[in-house]
Amino acid sequence: MTGAMDYQIAFPNLGLYFEHVGKNFRIGPVTVAYYGVCIAAGMMLGIFLVTLRAKETGQSADDYIDIAVWTMIMGIIGARIYYVLFSWQEYRDDLAGIFRIREGGLAIYGGLLAGAAAIYVLSRRKEIPFGTVLDTCIIGVPAGQIIGRWGNFFNREAFGGYTDNLFAMRLPVSAVRADEITAEMRAHAVTENGIQFIQAHPTFFYEGVWNLLVLLLLFRMRNRTKKKGDLFLIYMAAYGTGRFFIEMLRTDQLLIPGTAVPVSMAVSAAAVVFALARLVRRP
């Protein structure tokens, strides 16, 4: 039976102790995952900022509500497909698990690729320049990521290796996936009242803070770019830089098949190089 301490999440060096952090809550007979709530809240904030940006640039907010909704739907599908493809060993004997999204398992780069493809199709259909739509919609992406990342907090996932820094997060061993616990984390594990705890980098939090900085950068640059698509390229370069280094810390890295190279680090590096090269070479 799961004990009460299994629900604890603590940041001991900050003096923060949360005694009961569940993954779900109930509304009548319906079980709702906090992960899903965070994703939905992030999407709503993203759509709100996109419509504000559309109005600010003299575009139709209704067009962008339509674009944003379809882009986010395709983005979630793409994010899940990307994650499953690079975690196939986890799902090949449990195909039903592919559809249990509320348990976690969305990869942002898969979402960005699918979302960009959706934007391309919708921009042509609505006869709006592709670069204009990218620049308008990208404002909502880091905002959605900031809130969406807190779904990882409730799911006890997307954390890094052992640390005792100021933001170190303490989790019960029984509440996390065994294959995400490193030997160093086990070596520093502590036991209280029969419950074993590990301590880790809260990389989901680091990424949330980085996304906040990226969002502030986009707001600052939104009226200073000269070419359509530049704001999107700035996002690629800025987000990719932070994600590259944060990914180094994570213990749940998706690897390129047959290698020890994390997919997100490779994609981040490619995105940064591509974005900077395009920005520098533009007249």
C-alpha atoms as a PDB file:
ATOM      1  CA  MET A   1       0.000   0.000   0.000  1.00  0.00           C
ATOM      2  CA  THR A   2       1.246   3.470  -0.816  1.00  0.00           C
ATOM      3  CA  GLY A   3       2.078   5.420   2.305  1.00  0.00           C
ATOM      4  CA  ALA A   4       1.414   9.088   2.902  1.00  0.00           C
ATOM      5  CA  MET A   5       5.112   9.931   2.522  1.00  0.00           C
ATOM      6  CA  ASP A   6       5.067   8.580  -1.035  1.00  0.00           C
ATOM      7  CA  TYR A   7       3.196  11.747  -1.999  1.00  0.00           C
ATOM      8  CA  GLN A   8       5.810  14.107  -0.579  1.00  0.00           C
ATOM      9  CA  ILE A   9       7.793  16.496  -2.733  1.00  0.00           C
ATOM     10  CA  ALA A  10      10.306  18.697  -0.986  1.00  0.00           C
ATOM     11  CA  PHE A  11      12.878  21.361  -1.727  1.00  0.00           C
ATOM     12  CA  PRO A  12      14.826  21.009   1.529  1.00  0.00           C
ATOM     13  CA  ASN A  13      17.428  23.701   0.866  1.00  0.00           C
ATOM     14  CA  LEU A  14      14.608  26.189   0.304  1.00  0.00           C
ATOM     15  CA  GLY A  15      12.693  24.942   3.331  1.00  0.00           C
ATOM     16  CA  LEU A  16       9.697  23.915   1.186  1.00  0.00           C
ATOM     17  CA  TYR A  17       7.888  20.686   2.071  1.00  0.00           C
ATOM     18  CA  PHE A  18       4.720  19.561   0.292  1.00  0.00           C
ATOM     19  CA  GLU A  19       3.188  16.683   2.222  1.00  0.00           C
ATOM     20  CA  HIS A  20       0.617  15.428  -0.250  1.00  0.00           C
ATOM     21  CA  VAL A  21       1.050  16.138  -3.951  1.00  0.00           C
ATOM     22  CA  GLY A  22      -1.224  13.863  -5.926  1.00  0.00           C
ATOM     23  CA  LYS A  23      -1.096  13.166  -9.655  1.00  0.00           C
ATOM     24  CA  ASN A  24      -4.873  13.291 -10.059  1.00  0.00           C
ATOM     25  CA  PHE A  25      -8.039  14.656  -8.526  1.00  0.00           C
ATOM     26  CA  ARG A  26     -11.654  13.680  -8.927  1.00  0.00           C
ATOM     27  CA  ILE A  27     -14.681  15.608 -10.126  1.00  0.00           C
ATOM     28  CA  GLY A  28     -17.565  13.279  -9.342  1.00  0.00           C
ATOM     29  CA  PRO A  29     -16.840  10.010 -11.149  1.00  0.00           C
ATOM     30  CA  VAL A  30     -14.179  11.572 -13.392  1.00  0.00           C
ATOM     31  CA  THR A  31     -10.464  11.370 -12.592  1.00  0.00           C
ATOM     32  CA  VAL A  32      -8.538  14.379 -13.841  1.00  0.00           C
ATOM     33  CA  ALA A  33      -4.737  14.388 -14.144  1.00  0.00           C
ATOM     34  CA  TYR A  34      -2.896  17.508 -13.002  1.00  0.00           C
ATOM     35  CA  TYR A  35      -0.562  16.938 -15.963  1.00  0.00           C
ATOM     36  CA  GLY A  36      -3.489  17.439 -18.331  1.00  0.00           C
ATOM     37  CA  VAL A  37      -4.684  20.492 -16.426  1.00  0.00           C
ATOM     38  CA  CYS A  38      -1.243  22.094 -16.757  1.00  0.00           C
ATOM     39  CA  ILE A  39      -1.099  21.344 -20.477  1.00  0.00           C
ATOM     40  CA  ALA A  40      -4.616  22.743 -21.006  1.00  0.00           C
ATOM     41  CA  ALA A  41      -3.878  25.865 -18.948  1.00  0.00           C
ATOM     42  CA  GLY A  42      -0.688  26.437 -20.918  1.00  0.00           C
ATOM     43  CA  MET A  43      -2.593  26.113 -24.180  1.00  0.00           C
ATOM     44  CA  MET A  44      -5.226  28.613 -23.058  1.00  0.00           C
ATOM     45  CA  LEU A  45      -2.585  31.156 -22.039  1.00  0.00           C
ATOM     46  CA  GLY A  46      -0.774  30.589 -25.328  1.00  0.00           C
ATOM     47  CA  ILE A  47      -3.936  31.176 -27.377  1.00  0.00           C
ATOM     48  CA  PHE A  48      -4.687  34.327 -25.364  1.00  0.00           C
ATOM     49  CA  LEU A  49      -1.252  35.815 -26.079  1.00  0.00           C
ATOM     50  CA  VAL A  50      -1.438  34.849 -29.750  1.00  0.00           C
ATOM     51  CA  THR A  51      -4.758  36.666 -30.173  1.00  0.00           C
ATOM     52  CA  LEU A  52      -3.344  39.725 -28.398  1.00  0.00           C
ATOM     53  CA  ARG A  53      -0.393  39.709 -30.774  1.00  0.00           C
ATOM     54  CA  ALA A  54      -2.714  39.333 -33.762  1.00  0.00           C
ATOM     55  CA  LYS A  55      -4.702  42.373 -32.679  1.00  0.00           C
ATOM     56  CA  GLU A  56      -1.508  44.310 -32.007  1.00  0.00           C
ATOM     57  CA  THR A  57      -0.377  43.717 -35.596  1.00  0.00           C
ATOM     58  CA  GLY A  58      -3.755  44.474 -37.146  1.00  0.00           C
ATOM     59  CA  GLN A  59      -4.653  40.884 -37.949  1.00  0.00           C
ATOM     60  CA  SER A  60      -7.853  38.955 -37.314  1.00  0.00           C
ATOM     61  CA  ALA A  61      -7.976  37.437 -33.831  1.00  0.00           C
ATOM     62  CA  ASP A  62     -10.594  34.954 -35.061  1.00  0.00           C
ATOM     63  CA  ASP A  63      -8.204  33.671 -37.723  1.00  0.00           C
ATOM     64  CA  TYR A  64      -5.567  33.091 -35.086  1.00  0.00           C
ATOM     65  CA  ILE A  65      -7.902  31.358 -32.668  1.00  0.00           C
ATOM     66  CA  ASP A  66      -8.617  28.886 -35.455  1.00  0.00           C
ATOM     67  CA  ILE A  67      -4.930  28.555 -36.326  1.00  0.00           C
ATOM     68  CA  ALA A  68      -3.836  28.250 -32.695  1.00  0.00           C
ATOM     69  CA  VAL A  69      -6.397  25.581 -31.795  1.00  0.00           C
ATOM     70  CA  TRP A  70      -5.547  23.366 -34.764  1.00  0.00           C
ATOM     71  CA  THR A  71      -1.820  23.952 -34.340  1.00  0.00           C
ATOM     72  CA  MET A  72      -1.944  22.935 -30.671  1.00  0.00           C
ATOM     73  CA  ILE A  73      -3.974  19.816 -31.431  1.00  0.00           C
ATOM     74  CA  MET A  74      -1.458  18.781 -34.078  1.00  0.00           C
ATOM     75  CA  GLY A  75       1.364  19.819 -31.778  1.00  0.00           C
ATOM     76  CA  ILE A  76       0.211  17.467 -29.025  1.00  0.00           C
ATOM     77  CA  ILE A  77      -0.149  14.624 -31.516  1.00  0.00           C
ATOM     78  CA  GLY A  78       3.315  15.345 -32.907  1.00  0.00           C
ATOM     79  CA  ALA A  79       4.838  15.626 -29.444  1.00  0.00           C
ATOM     80  CA  ARG A  80       3.409  12.237 -28.483  1.00  0.00           C
ATOM     81  CA  ILE A  81       4.479  10.514 -31.704  1.00  0.00           C
ATOM     82  CA  TYR A  82       7.997  11.899 -31.323  1.00  0.00           C
ATOM     83  CA  TYR A  83       8.219  10.679 -27.730  1.00  0.00           C
ATOM     84  CA  VAL A  84       6.858   7.219 -28.542  1.00  0.00           C
ATOM     85  CA  LEU A  85       9.188   6.757 -31.510  1.00  0.00           C
ATOM     86  CA  PHE A  86      12.250   7.411 -29.384  1.00  0.00           C
ATOM     87  CA  SER A  87      10.867   5.376 -26.449  1.00  0.00           C
ATOM     88  CA  TRP A  88       9.592   2.452 -28.496  1.00  0.00           C
ATOM     89  CA  GLN A  89      10.980  -0.185 -26.125  1.00  0.00           C
ATOM     90  CA  GLU A  90       8.632   1.182 -23.481  1.00  0.00           C
ATOM     91  CA  TYR A  91       5.549   0.830 -25.690  1.00  0.00           C
ATOM     92  CA  ARG A  92       6.161  -2.062 -28.080  1.00  0.00           C
ATOM     93  CA  ASP A  93       4.625  -4.539 -25.622  1.00  0.00           C
ATOM     94  CA  ASP A  94       2.006  -2.092 -24.363  1.00  0.00           C
ATOM     95  CA  LEU A  95       0.451  -0.393 -27.383  1.00  0.00           C
ATOM     96  CA  ALA A  96      -2.463   0.879 -25.279  1.00  0.00           C
ATOM     97  CA  GLY A  97       0.065   2.904 -23.279  1.00  0.00           C
ATOM     98  CA  ILE A  98       0.651   5.082 -26.337  1.00  0.00           C
ATOM     99  CA  PHE A  99      -2.714   6.715 -25.677  1.00  0.00           C
ATOM    100  CA  ARG A 100      -2.206   7.286 -21.939  1.00  0.00           C
ATOM    101  CA  ILE A 101      -0.934  10.814 -22.439  1.00  0.00           C
ATOM    102  CA  ARG A 102      -1.984  11.984 -18.978  1.00  0.00           C
ATOM    103  CA  GLU A 103       0.845   9.833 -17.568  1.00  0.00           C
ATOM    104  CA  GLY A 104       3.308  12.108 -19.326  1.00  0.00           C
ATOM    105  CA  GLY A 105       5.453  11.659 -22.398  1.00  0.00           C
ATOM    106  CA  LEU A 106       5.290  14.694 -24.688  1.00  0.00           C
ATOM    107  CA  ALA A 107       8.404  15.881 -26.516  1.00  0.00           C
ATOM    108  CA  ILE A 108       8.419  19.588 -27.313  1.00  0.00           C
ATOM    109  CA  TYR A 109      10.428  19.269 -30.508  1.00  0.00           C
ATOM    110  CA  GLY A 110       7.905  16.838 -31.942  1.00  0.00           C
ATOM    111  CA  GLY A 111       5.215  19.351 -31.066  1.00  0.00           C
ATOM    112  CA  LEU A 112       7.099  22.202 -32.734  1.00  0.00           C
ATOM    113  CA  LEU A 113       7.632  20.230 -35.936  1.00  0.00           C
ATOM    114  CA  ALA A 114       4.010  19.149 -36.172  1.00  0.00           C
ATOM    115  CA  GLY A 115       2.814  22.608 -35.170  1.00  0.00           C
ATOM    116  CA  ALA A 116       4.953  24.294 -37.833  1.00  0.00           C
ATOM    117  CA  ALA A 117       3.584  21.913 -40.455  1.00  0.00           C
ATOM    118  CA  ALA A 118       0.032  22.738 -39.364  1.00  0.00           C
ATOM    119  CA  ILE A 119       0.793  26.468 -39.500  1.00  0.00           C
ATOM    120  CA  TYR A 120       2.144  26.098 -43.034  1.00  0.00           C
ATOM    121  CA  VAL A 121      -1.064  24.420 -44.238  1.00  0.00           C
ATOM    122  CA  LEU A 122      -3.354  26.843 -42.398  1.00  0.00           C
ATOM    123  CA  SER A 123      -1.422  29.929 -43.495  1.00  0.00           C
ATOM    124  CA  ARG A 124      -1.846  28.914 -47.123  1.00  0.00           C
ATOM    125  CA  ARG A 125      -5.521  28.222 -46.597  1.00  0.00           C
ATOM    126  CA  LYS A 126      -6.071  31.618 -44.974  1.00  0.00           C
ATOM    127  CA  GLU A 127      -3.712  33.359 -47.411  1.00  0.00           C
ATOM    128  CA  ILE A 128      -1.509  34.808 -44.683  1.00  0.00           C
ATOM    129  CA  PRO A 129       2.294  34.777 -45.192  1.00  0.00           C
ATOM    130  CA  PHE A 130       3.824  31.749 -43.462  1.00  0.00           C
ATOM    131  CA  GLY A 131       6.475  33.852 -41.701  1.00  0.00           C
ATOM    132  CA  THR A 132       3.822  36.227 -40.366  1.00  0.00           C
ATOM    133  CA  VAL A 133       1.854  33.372 -38.838  1.00  0.00           C
ATOM    134  CA  LEU A 134       5.007  31.842 -37.340  1.00  0.00           C
ATOM    135  CA  ASP A 135       5.983  35.148 -35.729  1.00  0.00           C
ATOM    136  CA  THR A 136       2.484  35.701 -34.368  1.00  0.00           C
ATOM    137  CA  CYS A 137       2.008  32.199 -32.986  1.00  0.00           C
ATOM    138  CA  ILE A 138       5.480  31.811 -31.477  1.00  0.00           C
ATOM    139  CA  ILE A 139       4.603  34.285 -28.716  1.00  0.00           C
ATOM    140  CA  GLY A 140       2.256  31.675 -27.242  1.00  0.00           C
ATOM    141  CA  VAL A 141       4.730  28.775 -27.278  1.00  0.00           C
ATOM    142  CA  PRO A 142       7.077  29.640 -24.376  1.00  0.00           C
ATOM    143  CA  ALA A 143       4.094  30.877 -22.350  1.00  0.00           C
ATOM    144  CA  GLY A 144       2.434  27.500 -22.764  1.00  0.00           C
ATOM    145  CA  GLN A 145       5.691  25.717 -21.932  1.00  0.00           C
ATOM    146  CA  ILE A 146       6.091  27.643 -18.670  1.00  0.00           C
ATOM    147  CA  ILE A 147       2.807  26.317 -17.300  1.00  0.00           C
ATOM    148  CA  GLY A 148       2.889  22.975 -19.068  1.00  0.00           C
ATOM    149  CA  ARG A 149       6.228  22.077 -17.458  1.00  0.00           C
ATOM    150  CA  TRP A 150       4.547  22.023 -14.049  1.00  0.00           C
ATOM    151  CA  GLY A 151       2.777  18.891 -15.222  1.00  0.00           C
ATOM    152  CA  ASN A 152       6.179  17.241 -14.827  1.00  0.00           C
ATOM    153  CA  PHE A 153       6.218  18.356 -11.194  1.00  0.00           C
ATOM    154  CA  PHE A 154       2.977  16.507 -10.441  1.00  0.00           C
ATOM    155  CA  ASN A 155       4.109  13.454 -12.430  1.00  0.00           C
ATOM    156  CA  ARG A 156       7.543  13.364 -10.731  1.00  0.00           C
ATOM    157  CA  GLU A 157       9.355  13.324 -14.075  1.00  0.00           C
ATOM    158  CA  ALA A 158      11.754  15.354 -16.221  1.00  0.00           C
ATOM    159  CA  PHE A 159      14.247  15.732 -13.384  1.00  0.00           C
ATOM    160  CA  GLY A 160      18.024  15.644 -13.491  1.00  0.00           C
ATOM    161  CA  GLY A 161      20.777  13.821 -11.673  1.00  0.00           C
ATOM    162  CA  TYR A 162      21.828  14.224  -8.063  1.00  0.00           C
ATOM    163  CA  THR A 163      22.425  17.699  -6.680  1.00  0.00           C
ATOM    164  CA  ASP A 164      22.457  19.450  -3.338  1.00  0.00           C
ATOM    165  CA  ASN A 165      22.157  22.932  -4.771  1.00  0.00           C
ATOM    166  CA  LEU A 166      19.679  25.541  -3.590  1.00  0.00           C
ATOM    167  CA  PHE A 167      16.861  24.175  -5.769  1.00  0.00           C
ATOM    168  CA  ALA A 168      17.469  20.473  -5.090  1.00  0.00           C
ATOM    169  CA  MET A 169      14.212  18.489  -5.182  1.00  0.00           C
ATOM    170  CA  ARG A 170      13.579  15.488  -2.944  1.00  0.00           C
ATOM    171  CA  LEU A 171      11.329  12.677  -4.184  1.00  0.00           C
ATOM    172  CA  PRO A 172      10.307   9.256  -2.854  1.00  0.00           C
ATOM    173  CA  VAL A 173      11.991   6.445  -4.787  1.00  0.00           C
ATOM    174  CA  SER A 174       8.646   4.670  -4.997  1.00  0.00           C
ATOM    175  CA  ALA A 175       7.105   7.633  -6.866  1.00  0.00           C
ATOM    176  CA  VAL A 176       9.537   7.757  -9.814  1.00  0.00           C
ATOM    177  CA  ARG A 177      10.590   5.416 -12.610  1.00  0.00           C
ATOM    178  CA  ALA A 178      13.456   3.162 -11.519  1.00  0.00           C
ATOM    179  CA  ASP A 179      15.367   3.616 -14.786  1.00  0.00           C
ATOM    180  CA  GLU A 180      15.545   7.380 -14.202  1.00  0.00           C
ATOM    181  CA  ILE A 181      17.447   6.993 -10.910  1.00  0.00           C
ATOM    182  CA  THR A 182      21.212   7.128 -11.365  1.00  0.00           C
ATOM    183  CA  ALA A 183      23.811   5.336  -9.258  1.00  0.00           C
ATOM    184  CA  GLU A 184      24.880   8.677  -7.760  1.00  0.00           C
ATOM    185  CA  MET A 185      21.301   9.449  -6.752  1.00  0.00           C
ATOM    186  CA  ARG A 186      20.993   6.063  -5.059  1.00  0.00           C
ATOM    187  CA  ALA A 187      24.311   6.589  -3.296  1.00  0.00           C
ATOM    188  CA  HIS A 188      22.992   9.808  -1.754  1.00  0.00           C
ATOM    189  CA  ALA A 189      19.491   8.486  -1.024  1.00  0.00           C
ATOM    190  CA  VAL A 190      18.145   8.905   2.504  1.00  0.00           C
ATOM    191  CA  THR A 191      15.525   6.890   4.353  1.00  0.00           C
ATOM    192  CA  GLU A 192      12.909   8.374   6.664  1.00  0.00           C
ATOM    193  CA  ASN A 193      10.180   6.360   8.357  1.00  0.00           C
ATOM    194  CA  GLY A 194      10.808   3.472   6.000  1.00  0.00           C
ATOM    195  CA  ILE A 195      10.558   5.620   2.847  1.00  0.00           C
ATOM    196  CA  GLN A 196      13.632   6.089   0.666  1.00  0.00           C
ATOM    197  CA  PHE A 197      14.153   9.494  -0.924  1.00  0.00           C
ATOM    198  CA  ILE A 198      16.392  10.698  -3.741  1.00  0.00           C
ATOM    199  CA  GLN A 199      17.498  14.248  -4.453  1.00  0.00           C
ATOM    200  CA  ALA A 200      17.657  15.675  -7.976  1.00  0.00           C
ATOM    201  CA  HIS A 201      17.885  18.712 -10.214  1.00  0.00           C
ATOM    202  CA  PRO A 202      14.355  20.045 -10.883  1.00  0.00           C
ATOM    203  CA  THR A 203      15.117  20.453 -14.583  1.00  0.00           C
ATOM    204  CA  PHE A 204      11.454  21.049 -15.376  1.00  0.00           C
ATOM    205  CA  PHE A 205      11.751  24.168 -13.185  1.00  0.00           C
ATOM    206  CA  TYR A 206      14.991  25.267 -14.828  1.00  0.00           C
ATOM    207  CA  GLU A 207      13.333  25.006 -18.224  1.00  0.00           C
ATOM    208  CA  GLY A 208      10.300  26.917 -16.992  1.00  0.00           C
ATOM    209  CA  VAL A 209      12.521  29.784 -15.843  1.00  0.00           C
ATOM    210  CA  TRP A 210      14.431  29.707 -19.124  1.00  0.00           C
ATOM    211  CA  ASN A 211      11.167  29.810 -21.066  1.00  0.00           C
ATOM    212  CA  LEU A 212      10.133  32.867 -19.066  1.00  0.00           C
ATOM    213  CA  LEU A 213      13.339  34.604 -20.162  1.00  0.00           C
ATOM    214  CA  VAL A 214      12.693  33.520 -23.758  1.00  0.00           C
ATOM    215  CA  LEU A 215       9.157  34.921 -23.574  1.00  0.00           C
ATOM    216  CA  LEU A 216      10.460  38.259 -22.258  1.00  0.00           C
ATOM    217  CA  LEU A 217      13.004  38.325 -25.092  1.00  0.00           C
ATOM    218  CA  LEU A 218      10.283  37.712 -27.681  1.00  0.00           C
ATOM    219  CA  PHE A 219       8.157  40.497 -26.238  1.00  0.00           C
ATOM    220  CA  ARG A 220      11.121  42.842 -26.364  1.00  0.00           C
ATOM    221  CA  MET A 221      11.978  41.928 -29.959  1.00  0.00           C
ATOM    222  CA  ARG A 222       8.460  41.535 -31.362  1.00  0.00           C
ATOM    223  CA  ASN A 223       8.396  44.981 -33.007  1.00  0.00           C
ATOM    224  CA  ARG A 224      12.104  45.186 -33.788  1.00  0.00           C
ATOM    225  CA  THR A 225      12.548  42.403 -36.334  1.00  0.00           C
ATOM    226  CA  LYS A 226      12.838  43.308 -40.012  1.00  0.00           C
ATOM    227  CA  LYS A 227      11.953  40.075 -41.834  1.00  0.00           C
ATOM    228  CA  LYS A 228       8.971  37.754 -41.563  1.00  0.00           C
ATOM    229  CA  GLY A 229       9.974  34.689 -39.576  1.00  0.00           C
ATOM    230  CA  ASP A 230      12.754  36.404 -37.609  1.00  0.00           C
ATOM    231  CA  LEU A 231      10.904  36.220 -34.297  1.00  0.00           C
ATOM    232  CA  PHE A 232      10.435  32.493 -34.786  1.00  0.00           C
ATOM    233  CA  LEU A 233      14.151  32.126 -35.509  1.00  0.00           C
ATOM    234  CA  ILE A 234      14.975  34.071 -32.333  1.00  0.00           C
ATOM    235  CA  TYR A 235      12.827  31.618 -30.381  1.00  0.00           C
ATOM    236  CA  MET A 236      14.610  28.661 -31.978  1.00  0.00           C
ATOM    237  CA  ALA A 237      18.032  30.040 -31.091  1.00  0.00           C
ATOM    238  CA  ALA A 238      17.112  31.103 -27.557  1.00  0.00           C
ATOM    239  CA  TYR A 239      15.085  28.056 -26.543  1.00  0.00           C
ATOM    240  CA  GLY A 240      17.503  25.659 -28.218  1.00  0.00           C
ATOM    241  CA  THR A 241      20.456  27.110 -26.299  1.00  0.00           C
ATOM    242  CA  GLY A 242      18.790  26.635 -22.927  1.00  0.00           C
ATOM    243  CA  ARG A 243      17.378  23.216 -23.750  1.00  0.00           C
ATOM    244  CA  PHE A 244      20.803  21.964 -24.894  1.00  0.00           C
ATOM    245  CA  PHE A 245      22.375  22.582 -21.491  1.00  0.00           C
ATOM    246  CA  ILE A 246      19.341  21.589 -19.422  1.00  0.00           C
ATOM    247  CA  GLU A 247      19.081  18.315 -21.334  1.00  0.00           C
ATOM    248  CA  MET A 248      22.608  17.439 -20.159  1.00  0.00           C
ATOM    249  CA  LEU A 249      21.273  17.132 -16.618  1.00  0.00           C
ATOM    250  CA  ARG A 250      18.206  14.986 -17.290  1.00  0.00           C
ATOM    251  CA  THR A 251      18.098  11.278 -16.498  1.00  0.00           C
ATOM    252  CA  ASP A 252      15.195  10.493 -18.843  1.00  0.00           C
ATOM    253  CA  GLN A 253      16.931  11.450 -22.069  1.00  0.00           C
ATOM    254  CA  LEU A 254      15.581  10.081 -25.340  1.00  0.00           C
ATOM    255  CA  LEU A 255      18.549   8.761 -27.320  1.00  0.00           C
ATOM    256  CA  ILE A 256      19.169   8.544 -31.039  1.00  0.00           C
ATOM    257  CA  PRO A 257      18.792   4.799 -31.762  1.00  0.00           C
ATOM    258  CA  GLY A 258      22.094   2.956 -31.648  1.00  0.00           C
ATOM    259  CA  THR A 259      23.948   5.849 -30.001  1.00  0.00           C
ATOM    260  CA  ALA A 260      24.396   7.485 -26.620  1.00  0.00           C
ATOM    261  CA  VAL A 261      23.495  10.891 -28.061  1.00  0.00           C
ATOM    262  CA  PRO A 262      20.388  12.530 -26.567  1.00  0.00           C
ATOM    263  CA  VAL A 263      17.930  13.451 -29.314  1.00  0.00           C
ATOM    264  CA  SER A 264      17.009  16.793 -27.752  1.00  0.00           C
ATOM    265  CA  MET A 265      20.636  17.884 -27.490  1.00  0.00           C
ATOM    266  CA  ALA A 266      21.238  17.072 -31.152  1.00  0.00           C
ATOM    267  CA  VAL A 267      18.031  18.801 -32.268  1.00  0.00           C
ATOM    268  CA  SER A 268      18.748  21.805 -30.032  1.00  0.00           C
ATOM    269  CA  ALA A 269      22.243  22.226 -31.455  1.00  0.00           C
ATOM    270  CA  ALA A 270      20.917  21.948 -35.016  1.00  0.00           C
ATOM    271  CA  ALA A 271      18.119  24.437 -34.291  1.00  0.00           C
ATOM    272  CA  VAL A 272      20.513  26.996 -32.804  1.00  0.00           C
ATOM    273  CA  VAL A 273      22.974  26.724 -35.702  1.00  0.00           C
ATOM    274  CA  PHE A 274      20.197  26.914 -38.303  1.00  0.00           C
ATOM    275  CA  ALA A 275      18.446  29.857 -36.648  1.00  0.00           C
ATOM    276  CA  LEU A 276      21.605  31.899 -36.099  1.00  0.00           C
ATOM    277  CA  ALA A 277      22.825  31.212 -39.640  1.00  0.00           C
ATOM    278  CA  ARG A 278      19.506  32.382 -41.088  1.00  0.00           C
ATOM    279  CA  LEU A 279      19.430  35.500 -38.902  1.00  0.00           C
ATOM    280  CA  VAL A 280      23.019  36.467 -39.728  1.00  0.00           C
ATOM    281  CA  ARG A 281      22.702  35.867 -43.467  1.00  0.00           C
ATOM    282  CA  ARG A 282      19.458  37.814 -43.868  1.00  0.00           C
ATOM    283  CA  PRO A 283      19.998  41.151 -45.647  1.00  0.00           C
END
